[in-house]
Amino acid sequence: MHTVVLLAHALNLAERFGYVVRQEWLDGNGGGGCELKGRKLLFIDLSMSPDEQLQMVLTVLRGEPRAGELAVPKELHCALQLRKSA
C-alpha cells in the first residue's frame, strides 16, 4: 500500500480514537499528539514527507491502548505491530 494511502488510513484511525487532526505548515518543527482541555489533538506538519508524517501518526496511535482492537487495513495493522516491536 502506498505511503499516502496508509497515512490517510492512520489519520482516519486517529479520528476514530477522538483526535482532532490539524494539518498545518509547522516548518519542520514537529507535530504530534497532545491533550488540551480534555480534547485530543494531532498536529501534522505539512513540511514533513508523507513517510515522516506516517511515522509520527503511528507513534501516537501506539500510545492508544485499544489500537489493536479496531478493524483497520492489514497494512496499517502490520505497520503498527512492526514498529511496536522494534
PDB file of N, CA and C in Angstrom:
ATOM      1  N   MET A   1       0.852  -1.169   0.000  1.00  0.00           N
ATOM      2  CA  MET A   1       0.000   0.000   0.000  1.00  0.00           C
ATOM      3  C   MET A   1       0.902   1.238   0.000  1.00  0.00           C
ATOM      4  N   HIS A   2       0.556   2.206  -0.793  1.00  0.00           N
ATOM      5  CA  HIS A   2       1.326   3.448  -0.913  1.00  0.00           C
ATOM      6  C   HIS A   2       1.298   4.208   0.415  1.00  0.00           C
ATOM      7  N   THR A   3       2.387   4.881   0.726  1.00  0.00           N
ATOM      8  CA  THR A   3       2.535   5.604   1.991  1.00  0.00           C
ATOM      9  C   THR A   3       1.416   6.617   2.211  1.00  0.00           C
ATOM     10  N   VAL A   4       1.029   7.338   1.163  1.00  0.00           N
ATOM     11  CA  VAL A   4      -0.012   8.365   1.301  1.00  0.00           C
ATOM     12  C   VAL A   4      -1.348   7.727   1.660  1.00  0.00           C
ATOM     13  N   VAL A   5      -1.646   6.586   1.076  1.00  0.00           N
ATOM     14  CA  VAL A   5      -2.892   5.877   1.387  1.00  0.00           C
ATOM     15  C   VAL A   5      -2.842   5.353   2.820  1.00  0.00           C
ATOM     16  N   LEU A   6      -1.717   4.804   3.205  1.00  0.00           N
ATOM     17  CA  LEU A   6      -1.541   4.308   4.570  1.00  0.00           C
ATOM     18  C   LEU A   6      -1.666   5.454   5.580  1.00  0.00           C
ATOM     19  N   LEU A   7      -1.117   6.616   5.247  1.00  0.00           N
ATOM     20  CA  LEU A   7      -1.238   7.796   6.099  1.00  0.00           C
ATOM     21  C   LEU A   7      -2.700   8.191   6.254  1.00  0.00           C
ATOM     22  N   ALA A   8      -3.461   8.160   5.171  1.00  0.00           N
ATOM     23  CA  ALA A   8      -4.888   8.501   5.240  1.00  0.00           C
ATOM     24  C   ALA A   8      -5.629   7.545   6.165  1.00  0.00           C
ATOM     25  N   HIS A   9      -5.306   6.250   6.087  1.00  0.00           N
ATOM     26  CA  HIS A   9      -5.935   5.263   6.977  1.00  0.00           C
ATOM     27  C   HIS A   9      -5.538   5.526   8.436  1.00  0.00           C
ATOM     28  N   ALA A  10      -4.273   5.870   8.655  1.00  0.00           N
ATOM     29  CA  ALA A  10      -3.807   6.136  10.022  1.00  0.00           C
ATOM     30  C   ALA A  10      -4.489   7.380  10.593  1.00  0.00           C
ATOM     31  N   LEU A  11      -4.648   8.410   9.781  1.00  0.00           N
ATOM     32  CA  LEU A  11      -5.335   9.621  10.240  1.00  0.00           C
ATOM     33  C   LEU A  11      -6.799   9.336  10.547  1.00  0.00           C
ATOM     34  N   ASN A  12      -7.421   8.491   9.730  1.00  0.00           N
ATOM     35  CA  ASN A  12      -8.806   8.093   9.983  1.00  0.00           C
ATOM     36  C   ASN A  12      -8.917   7.362  11.313  1.00  0.00           C
ATOM     37  N   LEU A  13      -7.964   6.492  11.583  1.00  0.00           N
ATOM     38  CA  LEU A  13      -7.960   5.760  12.850  1.00  0.00           C
ATOM     39  C   LEU A  13      -7.773   6.719  14.025  1.00  0.00           C
ATOM     40  N   ALA A  14      -6.904   7.698  13.868  1.00  0.00           N
ATOM     41  CA  ALA A  14      -6.707   8.693  14.925  1.00  0.00           C
ATOM     42  C   ALA A  14      -8.015   9.431  15.211  1.00  0.00           C
ATOM     43  N   GLU A  15      -8.740   9.773  14.168  1.00  0.00           N
ATOM     44  CA  GLU A  15     -10.030  10.433  14.360  1.00  0.00           C
ATOM     45  C   GLU A  15     -11.016   9.518  15.071  1.00  0.00           C
ATOM     46  N   ARG A  16     -10.967   8.228  14.766  1.00  0.00           N
ATOM     47  CA  ARG A  16     -11.840   7.274  15.455  1.00  0.00           C
ATOM     48  C   ARG A  16     -11.505   7.178  16.937  1.00  0.00           C
ATOM     49  N   PHE A  17     -10.261   7.475  17.301  1.00  0.00           N
ATOM     50  CA  PHE A  17      -9.857   7.496  18.702  1.00  0.00           C
ATOM     51  C   PHE A  17     -10.149   8.849  19.355  1.00  0.00           C
ATOM     52  N   GLY A  18     -10.749   9.759  18.614  1.00  0.00           N
ATOM     53  CA  GLY A  18     -11.163  11.032  19.178  1.00  0.00           C
ATOM     54  C   GLY A  18     -10.214  12.184  18.966  1.00  0.00           C
ATOM     55  N   TYR A  19      -9.182  11.988  18.155  1.00  0.00           N
ATOM     56  CA  TYR A  19      -8.251  13.079  17.877  1.00  0.00           C
ATOM     57  C   TYR A  19      -8.856  14.055  16.872  1.00  0.00           C
ATOM     58  N   VAL A  20      -8.654  15.329  17.115  1.00  0.00           N
ATOM     59  CA  VAL A  20      -8.934  16.358  16.121  1.00  0.00           C
ATOM     60  C   VAL A  20      -7.632  16.540  15.362  1.00  0.00           C
ATOM     61  N   VAL A  21      -7.650  16.248  14.071  1.00  0.00           N
ATOM     62  CA  VAL A  21      -6.433  16.303  13.263  1.00  0.00           C
ATOM     63  C   VAL A  21      -6.291  17.696  12.655  1.00  0.00           C
ATOM     64  N   ARG A  22      -5.141  18.293  12.885  1.00  0.00           N
ATOM     65  CA  ARG A  22      -4.829  19.611  12.326  1.00  0.00           C
ATOM     66  C   ARG A  22      -3.609  19.452  11.429  1.00  0.00           C
ATOM     67  N   GLN A  23      -3.794  19.712  10.154  1.00  0.00           N
ATOM     68  CA  GLN A  23      -2.690  19.646   9.206  1.00  0.00           C
ATOM     69  C   GLN A  23      -2.259  21.068   8.900  1.00  0.00           C
ATOM     70  N   GLU A  24      -1.053  21.413   9.351  1.00  0.00           N
ATOM     71  CA  GLU A  24      -0.566  22.781   9.226  1.00  0.00           C
ATOM     72  C   GLU A  24       0.908  22.782   8.835  1.00  0.00           C
ATOM     73  N   TRP A  25       1.340  23.884   8.263  1.00  0.00           N
ATOM     74  CA  TRP A  25       2.744  24.067   7.917  1.00  0.00           C
ATOM     75  C   TRP A  25       3.463  24.516   9.183  1.00  0.00           C
ATOM     76  N   LEU A  26       4.261  23.629   9.767  1.00  0.00           N
ATOM     77  CA  LEU A  26       4.977  23.922  11.006  1.00  0.00           C
ATOM     78  C   LEU A  26       6.472  24.108  10.756  1.00  0.00           C
ATOM     79  N   ASP A  27       6.842  24.199   9.485  1.00  0.00           N
ATOM     80  CA  ASP A  27       8.218  24.494   9.069  1.00  0.00           C
ATOM     81  C   ASP A  27       9.239  23.511   9.631  1.00  0.00           C
ATOM     82  N   GLY A  28       8.840  22.236   9.731  1.00  0.00           N
ATOM     83  CA  GLY A  28       9.770  21.214  10.187  1.00  0.00           C
ATOM     84  C   GLY A  28       9.984  21.183  11.685  1.00  0.00           C
ATOM     85  N   ASN A  29       9.155  21.896  12.429  1.00  0.00           N
ATOM     86  CA  ASN A  29       9.327  21.974  13.874  1.00  0.00           C
ATOM     87  C   ASN A  29       8.550  20.909  14.635  1.00  0.00           C
ATOM     88  N   GLY A  30       8.055  19.920  13.924  1.00  0.00           N
ATOM     89  CA  GLY A  30       7.440  18.809  14.641  1.00  0.00           C
ATOM     90  C   GLY A  30       5.973  18.646  14.380  1.00  0.00           C
ATOM     91  N   GLY A  31       5.294  18.283  15.401  1.00  0.00           N
ATOM     92  CA  GLY A  31       3.895  17.912  15.347  1.00  0.00           C
ATOM     93  C   GLY A  31       3.735  16.779  16.343  1.00  0.00           C
ATOM     94  N   GLY A  32       2.617  16.133  16.305  1.00  0.00           N
ATOM     95  CA  GLY A  32       2.375  15.021  17.212  1.00  0.00           C
ATOM     96  C   GLY A  32       1.073  15.176  17.943  1.00  0.00           C
ATOM     97  N   GLY A  33       0.865  14.313  18.912  1.00  0.00           N
ATOM     98  CA  GLY A  33      -0.381  14.298  19.654  1.00  0.00           C
ATOM     99  C   GLY A  33      -0.246  14.958  21.009  1.00  0.00           C
ATOM    100  N   CYS A  34      -1.351  15.543  21.454  1.00  0.00           N
ATOM    101  CA  CYS A  34      -1.406  16.116  22.789  1.00  0.00           C
ATOM    102  C   CYS A  34      -2.865  16.196  23.232  1.00  0.00           C
ATOM    103  N   GLU A  35      -3.051  16.497  24.490  1.00  0.00           N
ATOM    104  CA  GLU A  35      -4.399  16.709  25.002  1.00  0.00           C
ATOM    105  C   GLU A  35      -4.450  18.105  25.599  1.00  0.00           C
ATOM    106  N   LEU A  36      -5.465  18.860  25.206  1.00  0.00           N
ATOM    107  CA  LEU A  36      -5.611  20.234  25.651  1.00  0.00           C
ATOM    108  C   LEU A  36      -7.060  20.445  26.084  1.00  0.00           C
ATOM    109  N   LYS A  37      -7.248  20.733  27.357  1.00  0.00           N
ATOM    110  CA  LYS A  37      -8.589  20.948  27.912  1.00  0.00           C
ATOM    111  C   LYS A  37      -9.517  19.775  27.614  1.00  0.00           C
ATOM    112  N   GLY A  38      -8.977  18.572  27.747  1.00  0.00           N
ATOM    113  CA  GLY A  38      -9.768  17.371  27.542  1.00  0.00           C
ATOM    114  C   GLY A  38      -9.978  16.968  26.097  1.00  0.00           C
ATOM    115  N   ARG A  39      -9.403  17.705  25.154  1.00  0.00           N
ATOM    116  CA  ARG A  39      -9.531  17.366  23.728  1.00  0.00           C
ATOM    117  C   ARG A  39      -8.218  16.807  23.228  1.00  0.00           C
ATOM    118  N   LYS A  40      -8.297  15.716  22.502  1.00  0.00           N
ATOM    119  CA  LYS A  40      -7.111  15.137  21.887  1.00  0.00           C
ATOM    120  C   LYS A  40      -6.852  15.857  20.569  1.00  0.00           C
ATOM    121  N   LEU A  41      -5.616  16.318  20.391  1.00  0.00           N
ATOM    122  CA  LEU A  41      -5.222  16.996  19.163  1.00  0.00           C
ATOM    123  C   LEU A  41      -4.049  16.259  18.530  1.00  0.00           C
ATOM    124  N   LEU A  42      -4.054  16.205  17.222  1.00  0.00           N
ATOM    125  CA  LEU A  42      -2.954  15.605  16.475  1.00  0.00           C
ATOM    126  C   LEU A  42      -2.530  16.612  15.416  1.00  0.00           C
ATOM    127  N   PHE A  43      -1.329  17.155  15.585  1.00  0.00           N
ATOM    128  CA  PHE A  43      -0.804  18.136  14.645  1.00  0.00           C
ATOM    129  C   PHE A  43       0.092  17.432  13.632  1.00  0.00           C
ATOM    130  N   ILE A  44      -0.202  17.657  12.369  1.00  0.00           N
ATOM    131  CA  ILE A  44       0.571  17.088  11.272  1.00  0.00           C
ATOM    132  C   ILE A  44       1.327  18.229  10.601  1.00  0.00           C
ATOM    133  N   ASP A  45       2.647  18.112  10.553  1.00  0.00           N
ATOM    134  CA  ASP A  45       3.496  19.131   9.933  1.00  0.00           C
ATOM    135  C   ASP A  45       3.571  18.856   8.434  1.00  0.00           C
ATOM    136  N   LEU A  46       2.935  19.711   7.647  1.00  0.00           N
ATOM    137  CA  LEU A  46       2.895  19.505   6.199  1.00  0.00           C
ATOM    138  C   LEU A  46       4.248  19.696   5.521  1.00  0.00           C
ATOM    139  N   SER A  47       5.229  20.235   6.246  1.00  0.00           N
ATOM    140  CA  SER A  47       6.554  20.366   5.644  1.00  0.00           C
ATOM    141  C   SER A  47       7.332  19.055   5.707  1.00  0.00           C
ATOM    142  N   MET A  48       6.823  18.078   6.458  1.00  0.00           N
ATOM    143  CA  MET A  48       7.462  16.764   6.552  1.00  0.00           C
ATOM    144  C   MET A  48       7.013  15.888   5.391  1.00  0.00           C
ATOM    145  N   SER A  49       7.826  14.902   5.044  1.00  0.00           N
ATOM    146  CA  SER A  49       7.463  13.972   3.976  1.00  0.00           C
ATOM    147  C   SER A  49       6.299  13.096   4.437  1.00  0.00           C
ATOM    148  N   PRO A  50       5.562  12.502   3.506  1.00  0.00           N
ATOM    149  CA  PRO A  50       4.478  11.601   3.901  1.00  0.00           C
ATOM    150  C   PRO A  50       4.948  10.466   4.814  1.00  0.00           C
ATOM    151  N   ASP A  51       6.150   9.938   4.565  1.00  0.00           N
ATOM    152  CA  ASP A  51       6.663   8.863   5.425  1.00  0.00           C
ATOM    153  C   ASP A  51       6.914   9.369   6.843  1.00  0.00           C
ATOM    154  N   GLU A  52       7.479  10.567   6.965  1.00  0.00           N
ATOM    155  CA  GLU A  52       7.717  11.140   8.296  1.00  0.00           C
ATOM    156  C   GLU A  52       6.394  11.410   9.012  1.00  0.00           C
ATOM    157  N   GLN A  53       5.413  11.910   8.273  1.00  0.00           N
ATOM    158  CA  GLN A  53       4.096  12.149   8.852  1.00  0.00           C
ATOM    159  C   GLN A  53       3.485  10.839   9.332  1.00  0.00           C
ATOM    160  N   LEU A  54       3.591   9.801   8.503  1.00  0.00           N
ATOM    161  CA  LEU A  54       3.058   8.492   8.867  1.00  0.00           C
ATOM    162  C   LEU A  54       3.714   7.965  10.133  1.00  0.00           C
ATOM    163  N   GLN A  55       5.030   8.066  10.225  1.00  0.00           N
ATOM    164  CA  GLN A  55       5.729   7.569  11.409  1.00  0.00           C
ATOM    165  C   GLN A  55       5.271   8.299  12.673  1.00  0.00           C
ATOM    166  N   MET A  56       5.037   9.603  12.548  1.00  0.00           N
ATOM    167  CA  MET A  56       4.569  10.378  13.684  1.00  0.00           C
ATOM    168  C   MET A  56       3.178   9.927  14.119  1.00  0.00           C
ATOM    169  N   VAL A  57       2.285   9.717  13.149  1.00  0.00           N
ATOM    170  CA  VAL A  57       0.924   9.268  13.474  1.00  0.00           C
ATOM    171  C   VAL A  57       0.963   7.869  14.085  1.00  0.00           C
ATOM    172  N   LEU A  58       1.794   6.988  13.543  1.00  0.00           N
ATOM    173  CA  LEU A  58       1.913   5.637  14.104  1.00  0.00           C
ATOM    174  C   LEU A  58       2.393   5.685  15.550  1.00  0.00           C
ATOM    175  N   THR A  59       3.323   6.569  15.844  1.00  0.00           N
ATOM    176  CA  THR A  59       3.812   6.718  17.214  1.00  0.00           C
ATOM    177  C   THR A  59       2.673   7.111  18.149  1.00  0.00           C
ATOM    178  N   VAL A  60       1.848   8.037  17.715  1.00  0.00           N
ATOM    179  CA  VAL A  60       0.701   8.467  18.531  1.00  0.00           C
ATOM    180  C   VAL A  60      -0.279   7.307  18.699  1.00  0.00           C
ATOM    181  N   LEU A  61      -0.564   6.606  17.620  1.00  0.00           N
ATOM    182  CA  LEU A  61      -1.527   5.505  17.681  1.00  0.00           C
ATOM    183  C   LEU A  61      -1.057   4.374  18.588  1.00  0.00           C
ATOM    184  N   ARG A  62       0.246   4.140  18.620  1.00  0.00           N
ATOM    185  CA  ARG A  62       0.770   3.085  19.501  1.00  0.00           C
ATOM    186  C   ARG A  62       0.526   3.393  20.969  1.00  0.00           C
ATOM    187  N   GLY A  63       0.311   4.645  21.290  1.00  0.00           N
ATOM    188  CA  GLY A  63       0.015   5.033  22.663  1.00  0.00           C
ATOM    189  C   GLY A  63      -1.432   4.791  23.064  1.00  0.00           C
ATOM    190  N   GLU A  64      -2.252   4.412  22.103  1.00  0.00           N
ATOM    191  CA  GLU A  64      -3.662   4.128  22.377  1.00  0.00           C
ATOM    192  C   GLU A  64      -3.811   2.673  22.790  1.00  0.00           C
ATOM    193  N   PRO A  65      -4.348   2.426  23.983  1.00  0.00           N
ATOM    194  CA  PRO A  65      -4.462   1.047  24.468  1.00  0.00           C
ATOM    195  C   PRO A  65      -5.320   0.148  23.580  1.00  0.00           C
ATOM    196  N   ARG A  66      -6.285   0.732  22.870  1.00  0.00           N
ATOM    197  CA  ARG A  66      -7.188  -0.078  22.047  1.00  0.00           C
ATOM    198  C   ARG A  66      -6.777  -0.105  20.573  1.00  0.00           C
ATOM    199  N   ALA A  67      -5.566   0.289  20.272  1.00  0.00           N
ATOM    200  CA  ALA A  67      -5.137   0.411  18.876  1.00  0.00           C
ATOM    201  C   ALA A  67      -5.253  -0.895  18.102  1.00  0.00           C
ATOM    202  N   GLY A  68      -5.044  -2.018  18.743  1.00  0.00           N
ATOM    203  CA  GLY A  68      -5.119  -3.300  18.056  1.00  0.00           C
ATOM    204  C   GLY A  68      -6.509  -3.894  17.999  1.00  0.00           C
ATOM    205  N   GLU A  69      -7.476  -3.247  18.635  1.00  0.00           N
ATOM    206  CA  GLU A  69      -8.822  -3.812  18.714  1.00  0.00           C
ATOM    207  C   GLU A  69      -9.730  -3.416  17.559  1.00  0.00           C
ATOM    208  N   LEU A  70      -9.466  -2.284  16.923  1.00  0.00           N
ATOM    209  CA  LEU A  70     -10.339  -1.807  15.862  1.00  0.00           C
ATOM    210  C   LEU A  70      -9.951  -2.416  14.525  1.00  0.00           C
ATOM    211  N   ALA A  71     -10.933  -2.560  13.664  1.00  0.00           N
ATOM    212  CA  ALA A  71     -10.687  -3.092  12.330  1.00  0.00           C
ATOM    213  C   ALA A  71      -9.965  -2.035  11.499  1.00  0.00           C
ATOM    214  N   VAL A  72      -8.794  -2.389  11.017  1.00  0.00           N
ATOM    215  CA  VAL A  72      -8.001  -1.498  10.170  1.00  0.00           C
ATOM    216  C   VAL A  72      -7.445  -2.327   9.014  1.00  0.00           C
ATOM    217  N   PRO A  73      -7.043  -1.668   7.923  1.00  0.00           N
ATOM    218  CA  PRO A  73      -6.420  -2.422   6.830  1.00  0.00           C
ATOM    219  C   PRO A  73      -5.201  -3.194   7.336  1.00  0.00           C
ATOM    220  N   LYS A  74      -4.977  -4.343   6.719  1.00  0.00           N
ATOM    221  CA  LYS A  74      -3.882  -5.232   7.132  1.00  0.00           C
ATOM    222  C   LYS A  74      -2.536  -4.509   7.160  1.00  0.00           C
ATOM    223  N   GLU A  75      -2.288  -3.675   6.158  1.00  0.00           N
ATOM    224  CA  GLU A  75      -1.007  -2.975   6.073  1.00  0.00           C
ATOM    225  C   GLU A  75      -0.816  -2.024   7.254  1.00  0.00           C
ATOM    226  N   LEU A  76      -1.898  -1.343   7.676  1.00  0.00           N
ATOM    227  CA  LEU A  76      -1.800  -0.443   8.815  1.00  0.00           C
ATOM    228  C   LEU A  76      -1.576  -1.236  10.090  1.00  0.00           C
ATOM    229  N   HIS A  77      -2.268  -2.352  10.230  1.00  0.00           N
ATOM    230  CA  HIS A  77      -2.070  -3.205  11.401  1.00  0.00           C
ATOM    231  C   HIS A  77      -0.617  -3.680  11.473  1.00  0.00           C
ATOM    232  N   CYS A  78      -0.079  -4.092  10.345  1.00  0.00           N
ATOM    233  CA  CYS A  78       1.318  -4.553  10.305  1.00  0.00           C
ATOM    234  C   CYS A  78       2.274  -3.417  10.644  1.00  0.00           C
ATOM    235  N   ALA A  79       2.029  -2.217  10.132  1.00  0.00           N
ATOM    236  CA  ALA A  79       2.899  -1.080  10.423  1.00  0.00           C
ATOM    237  C   ALA A  79       2.883  -0.763  11.914  1.00  0.00           C
ATOM    238  N   LEU A  80       1.736  -0.833  12.536  1.00  0.00           N
ATOM    239  CA  LEU A  80       1.651  -0.592  13.979  1.00  0.00           C
ATOM    240  C   LEU A  80       2.407  -1.652  14.749  1.00  0.00           C
ATOM    241  N   GLN A  81       2.303  -2.919  14.350  1.00  0.00           N
ATOM    242  CA  GLN A  81       2.958  -4.010  15.042  1.00  0.00           C
ATOM    243  C   GLN A  81       4.457  -4.012  14.828  1.00  0.00           C
ATOM    244  N   LEU A  82       4.896  -3.810  13.602  1.00  0.00           N
ATOM    245  CA  LEU A  82       6.334  -3.849  13.300  1.00  0.00           C
ATOM    246  C   LEU A  82       7.086  -2.797  14.075  1.00  0.00           C
ATOM    247  N   ARG A  83       6.575  -1.600  14.102  1.00  0.00           N
ATOM    248  CA  ARG A  83       7.262  -0.520  14.795  1.00  0.00           C
ATOM    249  C   ARG A  83       7.189  -0.700  16.312  1.00  0.00           C
ATOM    250  N   LYS A  84       6.100  -1.316  16.787  1.00  0.00           N
ATOM    251  CA  LYS A  84       5.938  -1.512  18.223  1.00  0.00           C
ATOM    252  C   LYS A  84       7.012  -2.438  18.765  1.00  0.00           C
ATOM    253  N   SER A  85       7.336  -3.495  18.002  1.00  0.00           N
ATOM    254  CA  SER A  85       8.298  -4.485  18.488  1.00  0.00           C
ATOM    255  C   SER A  85       9.741  -4.084  18.196  1.00  0.00           C
ATOM    256  N   ALA A  86       9.929  -3.058  17.373  1.00  0.00           N
ATOM    257  CA  ALA A  86      11.290  -2.648  17.018  1.00  0.00           C
ATOM    258  C   ALA A  86      11.959  -1.873  18.114  1.00  0.00           C
TER     259      ALA A  86
END
